[in-house]
C-alpha atoms as a PDB file:
ATOM      1  CA  MET A   1       0.000   0.000   0.000  1.00  0.00           C
ATOM      2  CA  ALA A   2       1.392   3.388  -1.024  1.00  0.00           C
ATOM      3  CA  SER A   3       2.048   5.834   1.780  1.00  0.00           C
ATOM      4  CA  TYR A   4       0.798   9.367   1.260  1.00  0.00           C
ATOM      5  CA  PRO A   5      -0.547  12.372   3.213  1.00  0.00           C
ATOM      6  CA  PRO A   6      -4.152  11.657   4.316  1.00  0.00           C
ATOM      7  CA  LEU A   7      -6.550  13.422   1.962  1.00  0.00           C
ATOM      8  CA  GLN A   8      -8.936  14.434   4.759  1.00  0.00           C
ATOM      9  CA  HIS A   9      -6.077  16.315   6.425  1.00  0.00           C
ATOM     10  CA  THR A  10      -4.940  17.916   3.170  1.00  0.00           C
ATOM     11  CA  TRP A  11      -8.432  19.110   2.270  1.00  0.00           C
ATOM     12  CA  THR A  12      -8.978  20.419   5.809  1.00  0.00           C
ATOM     13  CA  ARG A  13      -5.801  22.495   5.473  1.00  0.00           C
ATOM     14  CA  LEU A  14      -6.859  23.786   2.056  1.00  0.00           C
ATOM     15  CA  GLN A  15     -10.365  24.674   3.201  1.00  0.00           C
ATOM     16  CA  ALA A  16      -8.927  26.506   6.227  1.00  0.00           C
ATOM     17  CA  TRP A  17      -6.651  28.541   3.946  1.00  0.00           C
ATOM     18  CA  LEU A  18      -9.549  29.382   1.644  1.00  0.00           C
ATOM     19  CA  SER A  19     -11.726  30.353   4.602  1.00  0.00           C
ATOM     20  CA  ASN A  20      -9.119  32.893   5.665  1.00  0.00           C
ATOM     21  CA  GLU A  21      -7.909  34.110   2.271  1.00  0.00           C
ATOM     22  CA  TYR A  22     -10.537  33.478  -0.402  1.00  0.00           C
ATOM     23  CA  THR A  23     -13.942  32.552   1.018  1.00  0.00           C
ATOM     24  CA  GLU A  24     -15.780  32.779  -2.317  1.00  0.00           C
ATOM     25  CA  LEU A  25     -13.496  30.192  -3.887  1.00  0.00           C
ATOM     26  CA  GLY A  26     -13.890  27.875  -0.912  1.00  0.00           C
ATOM     27  CA  ASP A  27     -17.661  28.059  -1.370  1.00  0.00           C
ATOM     28  CA  THR A  28     -17.350  26.403  -4.795  1.00  0.00           C
ATOM     29  CA  LEU A  29     -16.153  23.094  -3.302  1.00  0.00           C
ATOM     30  CA  ASN A  30     -18.697  20.265  -3.194  1.00  0.00           C
ATOM     31  CA  TYR A  31     -19.273  17.760  -0.423  1.00  0.00           C
ATOM     32  CA  GLY A  32     -17.758  14.316  -0.889  1.00  0.00           C
ATOM     33  CA  VAL A  33     -19.065  11.954  -3.549  1.00  0.00           C
ATOM     34  CA  GLN A  34     -21.508   9.174  -2.737  1.00  0.00           C
ATOM     35  CA  ALA A  35     -20.324   5.557  -2.770  1.00  0.00           C
ATOM     36  CA  ASP A  36     -22.693   4.619  -5.623  1.00  0.00           C
ATOM     37  CA  VAL A  37     -21.125   7.264  -7.880  1.00  0.00           C
ATOM     38  CA  LEU A  38     -17.673   5.877  -7.101  1.00  0.00           C
ATOM     39  CA  ALA A  39     -18.888   2.383  -7.960  1.00  0.00           C
ATOM     40  CA  TYR A  40     -20.406   3.595 -11.236  1.00  0.00           C
ATOM     41  CA  VAL A  41     -17.203   5.365 -12.281  1.00  0.00           C
ATOM     42  CA  GLU A  42     -15.034   2.362 -11.500  1.00  0.00           C
ATOM     43  CA  GLY A  43     -17.460   0.155 -13.425  1.00  0.00           C
ATOM     44  CA  GLN A  44     -17.174   2.405 -16.478  1.00  0.00           C
ATOM     45  CA  LEU A  45     -13.399   2.485 -16.209  1.00  0.00           C
ATOM     46  CA  GLY A  46     -13.183  -1.256 -15.715  1.00  0.00           C
ATOM     47  CA  ALA A  47     -10.631  -0.612 -12.964  1.00  0.00           C
ATOM     48  CA  SER A  48     -10.383   0.732  -9.442  1.00  0.00           C
ATOM     49  CA  LEU A  49      -9.442   4.358  -8.944  1.00  0.00           C
ATOM     50  CA  PRO A  50      -6.041   4.959  -7.355  1.00  0.00           C
ATOM     51  CA  PRO A  51      -6.549   4.995  -3.559  1.00  0.00           C
ATOM     52  CA  ALA A  52      -5.511   8.654  -3.300  1.00  0.00           C
ATOM     53  CA  VAL A  53      -8.030   9.721  -5.975  1.00  0.00           C
ATOM     54  CA  ARG A  54     -10.818   7.675  -4.395  1.00  0.00           C
ATOM     55  CA  GLU A  55     -10.074   9.108  -0.940  1.00  0.00           C
ATOM     56  CA  SER A  56      -9.916  12.651  -2.301  1.00  0.00           C
ATOM     57  CA  TYR A  57     -13.342  12.454  -3.955  1.00  0.00           C
ATOM     58  CA  LEU A  58     -14.874  11.011  -0.807  1.00  0.00           C
ATOM     59  CA  VAL A  59     -13.877  14.290   0.878  1.00  0.00           C
ATOM     60  CA  VAL A  60     -14.460  16.839  -1.906  1.00  0.00           C
ATOM     61  CA  ASP A  61     -16.332  16.081  -5.128  1.00  0.00           C
ATOM     62  CA  GLY A  62     -14.927  18.819  -7.327  1.00  0.00           C
ATOM     63  CA  GLN A  63     -16.280  22.337  -7.759  1.00  0.00           C
ATOM     64  CA  GLU A  64     -19.589  23.854  -8.761  1.00  0.00           C
ATOM     65  CA  PRO A  65     -19.269  25.798 -12.047  1.00  0.00           C
ATOM     66  CA  GLU A  66     -20.525  28.811 -10.133  1.00  0.00           C
ATOM     67  CA  SER A  67     -21.204  28.983  -6.416  1.00  0.00           C
ATOM     68  CA  SER A  68     -23.921  30.883  -4.591  1.00  0.00           C
ATOM     69  CA  SER A  69     -21.367  33.631  -4.006  1.00  0.00           C
ATOM     70  CA  GLY A  70     -20.988  34.093  -7.775  1.00  0.00           C
ATOM     71  CA  CYS A  71     -17.420  32.796  -7.933  1.00  0.00           C
ATOM     72  CA  SER A  72     -16.512  30.802 -11.057  1.00  0.00           C
ATOM     73  CA  GLU A  73     -12.773  30.724 -10.431  1.00  0.00           C
ATOM     74  CA  GLY A  74     -10.935  27.433 -10.806  1.00  0.00           C
ATOM     75  CA  LEU A  75      -9.342  26.149  -7.612  1.00  0.00           C
ATOM     76  CA  PHE A  76      -5.906  25.589  -9.118  1.00  0.00           C
ATOM     77  CA  PHE A  77      -4.925  29.044 -10.409  1.00  0.00           C
ATOM     78  CA  GLY A  78      -7.954  29.193 -12.675  1.00  0.00           C
ATOM     79  CA  LEU A  79      -8.095  25.460 -13.500  1.00  0.00           C
ATOM     80  CA  THR A  80     -11.262  23.737 -12.313  1.00  0.00           C
ATOM     81  CA  LEU A  81     -11.447  20.574 -10.190  1.00  0.00           C
ATOM     82  CA  LEU A  82     -14.008  18.346 -11.907  1.00  0.00           C
ATOM     83  CA  PRO A  83     -16.832  16.616 -10.008  1.00  0.00           C
ATOM     84  CA  LEU A  84     -16.491  12.857 -10.481  1.00  0.00           C
ATOM     85  CA  GLU A  85     -19.516  12.621 -12.786  1.00  0.00           C
ATOM     86  CA  ASP A  86     -17.916  15.290 -14.994  1.00  0.00           C
ATOM     87  CA  VAL A  87     -14.638  13.361 -14.892  1.00  0.00           C
ATOM     88  CA  MET A  88     -16.509  10.467 -16.492  1.00  0.00           C
ATOM     89  CA  ALA A  89     -18.235  12.701 -19.050  1.00  0.00           C
ATOM     90  CA  GLU A  90     -14.865  14.066 -20.185  1.00  0.00           C
ATOM     91  CA  TRP A  91     -13.265  10.597 -20.141  1.00  0.00           C
ATOM     92  CA  MET A  92     -16.075   9.094 -22.229  1.00  0.00           C
ATOM     93  CA  PHE A  93     -15.852  11.921 -24.760  1.00  0.00           C
ATOM     94  CA  TRP A  94     -12.204  11.083 -25.341  1.00  0.00           C
ATOM     95  CA  ARG A  95     -13.013   7.429 -25.935  1.00  0.00           C
ATOM     96  CA  GLU A  96     -14.675   8.605 -29.155  1.00  0.00           C
ATOM     97  CA  VAL A  97     -11.468  10.435 -30.044  1.00  0.00           C
ATOM     98  CA  ASP A  98      -9.521   7.164 -29.629  1.00  0.00           C
ATOM     99  CA  HIS A  99     -11.127   5.900 -32.851  1.00  0.00           C
ATOM    100  CA  ASP A 100     -11.075   9.163 -34.813  1.00  0.00           C
ATOM    101  CA  ALA A 101      -8.986   8.692 -37.957  1.00  0.00           C
ATOM    102  CA  SER A 102      -7.796  12.309 -37.835  1.00  0.00           C
ATOM    103  CA  THR A 103      -6.648  12.268 -34.199  1.00  0.00           C
ATOM    104  CA  GLY A 104      -6.569   9.327 -31.807  1.00  0.00           C
ATOM    105  CA  ALA A 105      -6.350   6.645 -34.502  1.00  0.00           C
ATOM    106  CA  ASN A 106      -4.007   8.588 -36.793  1.00  0.00           C
ATOM    107  CA  GLU A 107      -0.649   6.782 -36.885  1.00  0.00           C
ATOM    108  CA  GLN A 108       1.289   9.815 -38.140  1.00  0.00           C
ATOM    109  CA  LEU A 109      -0.115  11.997 -35.361  1.00  0.00           C
ATOM    110  CA  ARG A 110       0.568   9.364 -32.718  1.00  0.00           C
ATOM    111  CA  ALA A 111       4.186   9.120 -33.885  1.00  0.00           C
ATOM    112  CA  GLN A 112       4.631  12.823 -33.049  1.00  0.00           C
ATOM    113  CA  MET A 113       3.614  12.387 -29.415  1.00  0.00           C
ATOM    114  CA  ARG A 114       6.300  12.803 -26.762  1.00  0.00           C
ATOM    115  CA  SER A 115       6.620  12.393 -23.003  1.00  0.00           C
ATOM    116  CA  VAL A 116       8.543  14.312 -20.338  1.00  0.00           C
ATOM    117  CA  PRO A 117      10.391  12.405 -18.917  1.00  0.00           C
ATOM    118  CA  PRO A 118      10.826  10.230 -22.031  1.00  0.00           C
ATOM    119  CA  ASN A 119       8.826   6.967 -22.070  1.00  0.00           C
ATOM    120  CA  TRP A 120       6.944   7.718 -18.849  1.00  0.00           C
ATOM    121  CA  ILE A 121       3.687   8.403 -20.728  1.00  0.00           C
ATOM    122  CA  ARG A 122       2.424   6.417 -23.704  1.00  0.00           C
ATOM    123  CA  ARG A 123       2.926   7.959 -27.139  1.00  0.00           C
ATOM    124  CA  GLU A 124      -0.772   8.460 -27.829  1.00  0.00           C
ATOM    125  CA  TYR A 125      -2.942  11.433 -28.687  1.00  0.00           C
ATOM    126  CA  SER A 126      -5.652  10.022 -26.414  1.00  0.00           C
ATOM    127  CA  CYS A 127      -5.584   7.103 -24.014  1.00  0.00           C
ATOM    128  CA  ARG A 128      -8.284   5.432 -21.906  1.00  0.00           C
ATOM    129  CA  GLY A 129      -5.794   5.267 -19.036  1.00  0.00           C
ATOM    130  CA  TRP A 130      -5.627   9.064 -18.715  1.00  0.00           C
ATOM    131  CA  LEU A 131      -8.189  10.183 -16.151  1.00  0.00           C
ATOM    132  CA  PRO A 132      -8.923  13.948 -16.232  1.00  0.00           C
ATOM    133  CA  LEU A 133      -9.347  15.524 -12.792  1.00  0.00           C
ATOM    134  CA  VAL A 134      -8.587  19.217 -13.389  1.00  0.00           C
ATOM    135  CA  THR A 135      -9.436  21.138 -16.573  1.00  0.00           C
ATOM    136  CA  ASP A 136      -8.851  24.483 -18.253  1.00  0.00           C
ATOM    137  CA  ARG A 137     -12.220  23.876 -20.000  1.00  0.00           C
ATOM    138  CA  THR A 138     -10.598  24.135 -23.430  1.00  0.00           C
ATOM    139  CA  GLY A 139      -9.764  20.433 -23.748  1.00  0.00           C
ATOM    140  CA  ASN A 140      -6.611  20.277 -21.608  1.00  0.00           C
ATOM    141  CA  TYR A 141      -6.246  18.478 -18.298  1.00  0.00           C
ATOM    142  CA  LEU A 142      -4.255  17.619 -15.240  1.00  0.00           C
ATOM    143  CA  GLY A 143      -5.033  14.106 -14.104  1.00  0.00           C
ATOM    144  CA  VAL A 144      -3.710  10.670 -13.247  1.00  0.00           C
ATOM    145  CA  ASP A 145      -2.282   8.044 -15.567  1.00  0.00           C
ATOM    146  CA  LEU A 146      -3.668   4.530 -15.095  1.00  0.00           C
ATOM    147  CA  ASP A 147      -1.809   3.061 -18.078  1.00  0.00           C
ATOM    148  CA  PRO A 148       1.709   4.568 -18.065  1.00  0.00           C
ATOM    149  CA  GLY A 149       4.610   4.063 -20.425  1.00  0.00           C
ATOM    150  CA  GLU A 150       7.419   1.672 -19.601  1.00  0.00           C
ATOM    151  CA  GLY A 151       9.283   4.242 -17.494  1.00  0.00           C
ATOM    152  CA  GLY A 152       6.253   5.566 -15.600  1.00  0.00           C
ATOM    153  CA  ALA A 153       4.144   4.455 -12.637  1.00  0.00           C
ATOM    154  CA  CYS A 154       0.399   3.877 -12.439  1.00  0.00           C
ATOM    155  CA  GLY A 155      -1.240   6.847 -10.712  1.00  0.00           C
ATOM    156  CA  GLN A 156       1.387   9.407 -11.760  1.00  0.00           C
ATOM    157  CA  VAL A 157       0.051  12.966 -12.145  1.00  0.00           C
ATOM    158  CA  ILE A 158       0.258  14.179 -15.738  1.00  0.00           C
ATOM    159  CA  ILE A 159      -0.702  17.048 -18.036  1.00  0.00           C
ATOM    160  CA  PHE A 160      -2.403  16.025 -21.289  1.00  0.00           C
ATOM    161  CA  GLY A 161      -5.095  17.125 -23.720  1.00  0.00           C
ATOM    162  CA  ARG A 162      -5.932  18.751 -27.022  1.00  0.00           C
ATOM    163  CA  ASP A 163      -2.941  21.115 -27.089  1.00  0.00           C
ATOM    164  CA  PHE A 164      -0.284  18.758 -25.739  1.00  0.00           C
ATOM    165  CA  ASP A 165       1.646  16.657 -28.204  1.00  0.00           C
ATOM    166  CA  THR A 166       4.187  16.441 -25.379  1.00  0.00           C
ATOM    167  CA  LYS A 167       2.615  15.048 -22.217  1.00  0.00           C
ATOM    168  CA  VAL A 168       4.259  15.994 -18.912  1.00  0.00           C
ATOM    169  CA  VAL A 169       4.618  14.100 -15.615  1.00  0.00           C
ATOM    170  CA  LEU A 170       4.212  16.463 -12.640  1.00  0.00           C
ATOM    171  CA  ARG A 171       4.832  13.979  -9.817  1.00  0.00           C
ATOM    172  CA  GLN A 172       7.685  11.743 -10.881  1.00  0.00           C
ATOM    173  CA  GLY A 173       8.004   8.324  -9.268  1.00  0.00           C
ATOM    174  CA  GLU A 174       5.010   8.787  -6.975  1.00  0.00           C
ATOM    175  CA  GLY A 175       2.674   6.235  -8.549  1.00  0.00           C
ATOM    176  CA  ASP A 176      -0.496   5.691  -6.511  1.00  0.00           C
ATOM    177  CA  ALA A 177       0.615   8.393  -4.085  1.00  0.00           C
ATOM    178  CA  GLY A 178       0.977  10.971  -6.862  1.00  0.00           C
ATOM    179  CA  TRP A 179      -2.346  12.773  -6.514  1.00  0.00           C
ATOM    180  CA  ALA A 180      -2.125  12.958  -2.715  1.00  0.00           C
ATOM    181  CA  SER A 181       1.478  14.179  -2.772  1.00  0.00           C
ATOM    182  CA  TRP A 182       0.812  16.719  -5.506  1.00  0.00           C
ATOM    183  CA  LEU A 183      -2.253  18.124  -3.747  1.00  0.00           C
ATOM    184  CA  ALA A 184      -0.381  18.341  -0.421  1.00  0.00           C
ATOM    185  CA  SER A 185       2.487  20.202  -2.102  1.00  0.00           C
ATOM    186  CA  PHE A 186      -0.023  22.650  -3.612  1.00  0.00           C
ATOM    187  CA  VAL A 187      -1.404  23.368  -0.126  1.00  0.00           C
ATOM    188  CA  ASP A 188       2.126  23.691   1.276  1.00  0.00           C
ATOM    189  CA  ASP A 189       2.844  26.420  -1.264  1.00  0.00           C
ATOM    190  CA  LEU A 190      -0.417  28.263  -0.583  1.00  0.00           C
ATOM    191  CA  GLU A 191       0.261  28.265   3.149  1.00  0.00           C
ATOM    192  CA  GLY A 192       3.815  29.438   2.516  1.00  0.00           C
ATOM    193  CA  GLY A 193       2.788  32.163   0.069  1.00  0.00           C
ATOM    194  CA  ILE A 194       4.860  30.595  -2.714  1.00  0.00           C
ATOM    195  CA  GLY A 195       4.120  31.052  -6.397  1.00  0.00           C
ATOM    196  CA  TYR A 196       0.781  32.864  -6.259  1.00  0.00           C
ATOM    197  CA  GLU A 197      -0.838  36.233  -5.720  1.00  0.00           C
ATOM    198  CA  LEU A 198      -4.364  37.317  -4.884  1.00  0.00           C
ATOM    199  CA  THR A 199      -5.438  40.027  -7.316  1.00  0.00           C
ATOM    200  CA  GLY A 200      -8.417  42.343  -7.526  1.00  0.00           C
ATOM    201  CA  PRO A 201     -11.369  42.311  -9.954  1.00  0.00           C
ATOM    202  CA  GLN A 202     -10.618  40.980 -13.436  1.00  0.00           C
ATOM    203  CA  SER A 203     -11.894  42.404 -16.712  1.00  0.00           C
ATOM    204  CA  ASP A 204     -11.730  39.259 -18.872  1.00  0.00           C
ATOM    205  CA  GLY A 205     -15.503  38.943 -19.108  1.00  0.00           C
ATOM    206  CA  GLY A 206     -15.963  36.124 -16.624  1.00  0.00           C
ATOM    207  CA  SER A 207     -17.790  32.883 -17.309  1.00  0.00           C
ATOM    208  CA  ASP A 208     -20.647  32.675 -19.758  1.00  0.00           C
ATOM    209  CA  GLY A 209     -22.329  30.283 -17.337  1.00  0.00           C
ATOM    210  CA  SER A 210     -22.476  27.447 -19.881  1.00  0.00           C
ATOM    211  CA  ASP A 211     -20.633  24.226 -19.070  1.00  0.00           C
ATOM    212  CA  ASP A 212     -22.769  21.701 -20.931  1.00  0.00           C
ATOM    213  CA  ASN A 213     -20.152  20.608 -23.460  1.00  0.00           C
ATOM    214  CA  VAL A 214     -17.227  18.319 -22.723  1.00  0.00           C
ATOM    215  CA  GLY A 215     -13.913  17.617 -24.381  1.00  0.00           C
ATOM    216  CA  TYR A 216     -13.027  20.228 -26.956  1.00  0.00           C
ATOM    217  CA  GLU A 217     -15.914  20.337 -29.468  1.00  0.00           C
ATOM    218  CA  GLY A 218     -17.774  23.044 -27.595  1.00  0.00           C
ATOM    219  CA  TYR A 219     -14.729  25.271 -27.638  1.00  0.00           C
ATOM    220  CA  PHE A 220     -14.203  24.960 -31.388  1.00  0.00           C
ATOM    221  CA  PHE A 221     -17.845  25.791 -32.058  1.00  0.00           C
ATOM    222  CA  ASN A 222     -18.570  28.272 -29.290  1.00  0.00           C
ATOM    223  CA  PRO A 223     -20.921  30.755 -31.037  1.00  0.00           C
ATOM    224  CA  SER A 224     -19.721  33.602 -28.828  1.00  0.00           C
ATOM    225  CA  GLY A 225     -16.148  32.972 -30.009  1.00  0.00           C
ATOM    226  CA  GLY A 226     -13.053  32.198 -27.986  1.00  0.00           C
ATOM    227  CA  ALA A 227     -12.586  30.057 -24.931  1.00  0.00           C
ATOM    228  CA  ARG A 228     -14.827  30.416 -21.930  1.00  0.00           C
ATOM    229  CA  GLY A 229     -13.674  32.741 -19.229  1.00  0.00           C
ATOM    230  CA  HIS A 230     -12.774  31.853 -15.646  1.00  0.00           C
ATOM    231  CA  GLY A 231     -13.123  35.150 -13.842  1.00  0.00           C
ATOM    232  CA  GLY A 232     -13.757  35.326 -10.114  1.00  0.00           C
ATOM    233  CA  ALA A 233     -16.828  36.708  -8.408  1.00  0.00           C
ATOM    234  CA  ASP A 234     -17.903  40.159  -9.554  1.00  0.00           C
ATOM    235  CA  GLY A 235     -15.808  42.639  -7.635  1.00  0.00           C
ATOM    236  CA  GLY A 236     -13.931  39.810  -5.923  1.00  0.00           C
ATOM    237  CA  GLN A 237     -10.349  38.602  -5.946  1.00  0.00           C
ATOM    238  CA  THR A 238      -8.614  36.039  -8.112  1.00  0.00           C
ATOM    239  CA  LEU A 239      -5.889  33.501  -7.370  1.00  0.00           C
ATOM    240  CA  ARG A 240      -3.174  33.809  -9.999  1.00  0.00           C
ATOM    241  CA  LEU A 241       0.303  32.429 -10.583  1.00  0.00           C
ATOM    242  CA  ASN A 242       3.107  34.800  -9.723  1.00  0.00           C
ATOM    243  CA  GLY A 243       5.987  34.226 -12.140  1.00  0.00           C
ATOM    244  CA  GLU A 244       7.317  30.756 -12.929  1.00  0.00           C
ATOM    245  CA  TYR A 245       5.907  28.029 -10.699  1.00  0.00           C
ATOM    246  CA  LYS A 246       6.929  24.388 -11.040  1.00  0.00           C
ATOM    247  CA  GLY A 247       5.002  22.575 -13.779  1.00  0.00           C
ATOM    248  CA  TRP A 248       2.148  25.082 -13.912  1.00  0.00           C
ATOM    249  CA  SER A 249       3.928  27.131 -16.560  1.00  0.00           C
ATOM    250  CA  VAL A 250       3.269  24.212 -18.942  1.00  0.00           C
ATOM    251  CA  LEU A 251      -0.462  24.890 -18.775  1.00  0.00           C
END
């Protein structure tokens, strides 16, 4: 059994920080997922979730697209933590891409795929072993890898998606402990004031309030044009990266 920081403790620390520093963002977090939803997801995957991912969702089941306080900010510097049912919606969308002759099933495209570190992630455009947990809502994700390359470990935290011919491992060598260790390190940095800043009201237009589409189709054919915004609550603050910060600069 992999050893990792208990997720209940990590989420308690994160919620305490949000309560003191960014209450509106903390209000977007959902209560833990129900056991039947976990069972459904694992049935669809045909495999058990990594223990750290399962434990995390039992504590917090992602974010609401917009909370009662009007905040639509993503928890991870603008990137949104997906509820488990949305994780499955995104994952199932990409299973259609697996068989698309122009993308997932295109041998020339697949040959262009790369991994950092080399051979840790499979050279695929899409892969059923990549489980999206955090999204920029334009078809790119941070998640866990359940079917790694020969140099990787099951459960490693990776960046993948529409815009990433080169996939990136964020927690190297962690395996099943990857998600728990990565999340704990994120909270460590918040508590230490490392790599972020809280800014005032943004003028990027905010969210259009529509999150019905999954994958990337909705972003190609968004009638309003452009990607959907991720602004904070009207008149509120926003959590933003401050300069270069670990692997976040990739996204």
